[in-house]
C-alpha atoms as a PDB file:
ATOM      1  CA  UNK A   1       8.129  18.479  -0.064  1.00  0.00           C
ATOM      2  CA  UNK A   2       5.788  15.516  -0.658  1.00  0.00           C
ATOM      3  CA  UNK A   3       5.727  11.987  -1.963  1.00  0.00           C
ATOM      4  CA  UNK A   4       6.410  12.674  -5.597  1.00  0.00           C
ATOM      5  CA  UNK A   5       9.261  15.089  -5.112  1.00  0.00           C
ATOM      6  CA  UNK A   6      11.469  12.488  -3.424  1.00  0.00           C
ATOM      7  CA  UNK A   7      12.253   8.786  -3.520  1.00  0.00           C
ATOM      8  CA  UNK A   8       9.220   6.771  -2.398  1.00  0.00           C
ATOM      9  CA  UNK A   9       9.519   3.524  -0.459  1.00  0.00           C
ATOM     10  CA  UNK A  10       6.892   0.809  -0.503  1.00  0.00           C
ATOM     11  CA  UNK A  11       6.565   0.031   3.193  1.00  0.00           C
ATOM     12  CA  UNK A  12       3.756  -2.551   3.184  1.00  0.00           C
ATOM     13  CA  UNK A  13       1.558  -4.302   0.593  1.00  0.00           C
ATOM     14  CA  UNK A  14      -1.408  -6.642   1.048  1.00  0.00           C
ATOM     15  CA  UNK A  15      -3.622  -8.404  -1.494  1.00  0.00           C
ATOM     16  CA  UNK A  16      -6.802 -10.418  -1.138  1.00  0.00           C
ATOM     17  CA  UNK A  17      -5.503 -13.536  -2.959  1.00  0.00           C
ATOM     18  CA  UNK A  18      -8.131 -13.195  -5.683  1.00  0.00           C
ATOM     19  CA  UNK A  19      -6.491 -13.806  -9.065  1.00  0.00           C
ATOM     20  CA  UNK A  20      -9.353 -12.517 -11.230  1.00  0.00           C
ATOM     21  CA  UNK A  21      -9.019  -8.953 -12.478  1.00  0.00           C
ATOM     22  CA  UNK A  22     -12.478  -8.030 -11.233  1.00  0.00           C
ATOM     23  CA  UNK A  23     -11.920  -9.483  -7.792  1.00  0.00           C
ATOM     24  CA  UNK A  24      -8.328  -8.522  -7.066  1.00  0.00           C
ATOM     25  CA  UNK A  25      -7.769  -5.937  -4.332  1.00  0.00           C
ATOM     26  CA  UNK A  26      -4.458  -4.469  -3.153  1.00  0.00           C
ATOM     27  CA  UNK A  27      -3.607  -2.071  -0.340  1.00  0.00           C
ATOM     28  CA  UNK A  28      -0.235  -0.288  -0.293  1.00  0.00           C
ATOM     29  CA  UNK A  29       1.485   1.883   2.326  1.00  0.00           C
ATOM     30  CA  UNK A  30       4.224   4.163   0.923  1.00  0.00           C
ATOM     31  CA  UNK A  31       6.439   6.904   2.305  1.00  0.00           C
ATOM     32  CA  UNK A  32       9.056   9.379   1.177  1.00  0.00           C
ATOM     33  CA  UNK A  33      10.331   9.693   4.742  1.00  0.00           C
ATOM     34  CA  UNK A  34       8.134  12.702   5.562  1.00  0.00           C
ATOM     35  CA  UNK A  35       4.714  11.909   4.123  1.00  0.00           C
ATOM     36  CA  UNK A  36       2.798   8.637   4.253  1.00  0.00           C
ATOM     37  CA  UNK A  37       0.109   7.486   1.846  1.00  0.00           C
ATOM     38  CA  UNK A  38      -2.224   4.525   1.596  1.00  0.00           C
ATOM     39  CA  UNK A  39      -3.505   3.317  -1.771  1.00  0.00           C
ATOM     40  CA  UNK A  40      -6.434   0.945  -2.219  1.00  0.00           C
ATOM     41  CA  UNK A  41      -6.466  -0.602  -5.691  1.00  0.00           C
ATOM     42  CA  UNK A  42      -9.307  -2.564  -7.270  1.00  0.00           C
ATOM     43  CA  UNK A  43      -8.871  -4.664 -10.410  1.00  0.00           C
ATOM     44  CA  UNK A  44      -5.086  -4.921 -10.629  1.00  0.00           C
ATOM     45  CA  UNK A  45      -2.707  -2.392 -12.153  1.00  0.00           C
ATOM     46  CA  UNK A  46      -5.207  -1.292 -14.809  1.00  0.00           C
ATOM     47  CA  UNK A  47      -8.058  -0.970 -12.321  1.00  0.00           C
ATOM     48  CA  UNK A  48      -9.216   1.904 -10.142  1.00  0.00           C
ATOM     49  CA  UNK A  49      -7.452   3.220  -7.071  1.00  0.00           C
ATOM     50  CA  UNK A  50      -7.894   5.658  -4.238  1.00  0.00           C
ATOM     51  CA  UNK A  51      -5.009   7.348  -2.424  1.00  0.00           C
ATOM     52  CA  UNK A  52      -5.125   8.994   0.985  1.00  0.00           C
ATOM     53  CA  UNK A  53      -2.255  10.884   2.634  1.00  0.00           C
ATOM     54  CA  UNK A  54      -1.615  10.271   6.323  1.00  0.00           C
ATOM     55  CA  UNK A  55       0.389  12.238   8.916  1.00  0.00           C
ATOM     56  CA  UNK A  56       2.239   9.203  10.323  1.00  0.00           C
ATOM     57  CA  UNK A  57       2.972   5.515   9.890  1.00  0.00           C
ATOM     58  CA  UNK A  58       0.519   4.718  12.687  1.00  0.00           C
ATOM     59  CA  UNK A  59      -2.281   6.598  10.905  1.00  0.00           C
ATOM     60  CA  UNK A  60      -1.395   4.916   7.591  1.00  0.00           C
ATOM     61  CA  UNK A  61      -1.523   1.461   9.181  1.00  0.00           C
ATOM     62  CA  UNK A  62      -4.918   2.181  10.769  1.00  0.00           C
ATOM     63  CA  UNK A  63      -6.306   3.309   7.415  1.00  0.00           C
ATOM     64  CA  UNK A  64      -4.790   0.314   5.584  1.00  0.00           C
ATOM     65  CA  UNK A  65      -6.458  -2.031   8.087  1.00  0.00           C
ATOM     66  CA  UNK A  66      -9.786  -0.260   7.666  1.00  0.00           C
ATOM     67  CA  UNK A  67      -9.591  -0.528   3.878  1.00  0.00           C
ATOM     68  CA  UNK A  68      -8.741  -4.245   4.101  1.00  0.00           C
ATOM     69  CA  UNK A  69     -11.672  -4.929   6.386  1.00  0.00           C
ATOM     70  CA  UNK A  70     -12.028  -8.034   8.506  1.00  0.00           C
ATOM     71  CA  UNK A  71     -11.741 -10.718   5.825  1.00  0.00           C
ATOM     72  CA  UNK A  72      -9.219 -13.476   6.456  1.00  0.00           C
ATOM     73  CA  UNK A  73      -8.302 -13.745   2.783  1.00  0.00           C
ATOM     74  CA  UNK A  74      -5.824 -10.832   2.963  1.00  0.00           C
ATOM     75  CA  UNK A  75      -2.112 -11.664   2.863  1.00  0.00           C
ATOM     76  CA  UNK A  76       0.907  -9.432   3.092  1.00  0.00           C
ATOM     77  CA  UNK A  77       3.215  -9.393   0.088  1.00  0.00           C
ATOM     78  CA  UNK A  78       6.758  -9.426   1.432  1.00  0.00           C
ATOM     79  CA  UNK A  79       9.097  -7.341  -0.697  1.00  0.00           C
ATOM     80  CA  UNK A  80      12.742  -8.353  -0.632  1.00  0.00           C
ATOM     81  CA  UNK A  81      14.971  -5.599   0.719  1.00  0.00           C
ATOM     82  CA  UNK A  82      17.746  -4.651  -1.650  1.00  0.00           C
ATOM     83  CA  UNK A  83      20.984  -3.941   0.212  1.00  0.00           C
ATOM     84  CA  UNK A  84      22.449  -0.500  -0.382  1.00  0.00           C
ATOM     85  CA  UNK A  85      26.116   0.323  -0.576  1.00  0.00           C
ATOM     86  CA  UNK A  86      27.298   2.879   1.905  1.00  0.00           C
END
């Protein structure tokens, strides 16, 4: 089906620790369970972004690393997992 036809999970998120709108960069890895995508965002939520679909988690992680580059300023944003009732 595709990412926007199903529930999407944010799998990983990194940011470059720059708090200015012009300097902030974020990289996200998302999945709906079948399709993976990587988003590179510049300038916060109102800035520009680029999204690339990937065939697997491994491919998405490689692309996310490439988009982050080699700078040591990048940090992963840890999202708390919300328990589900089963």
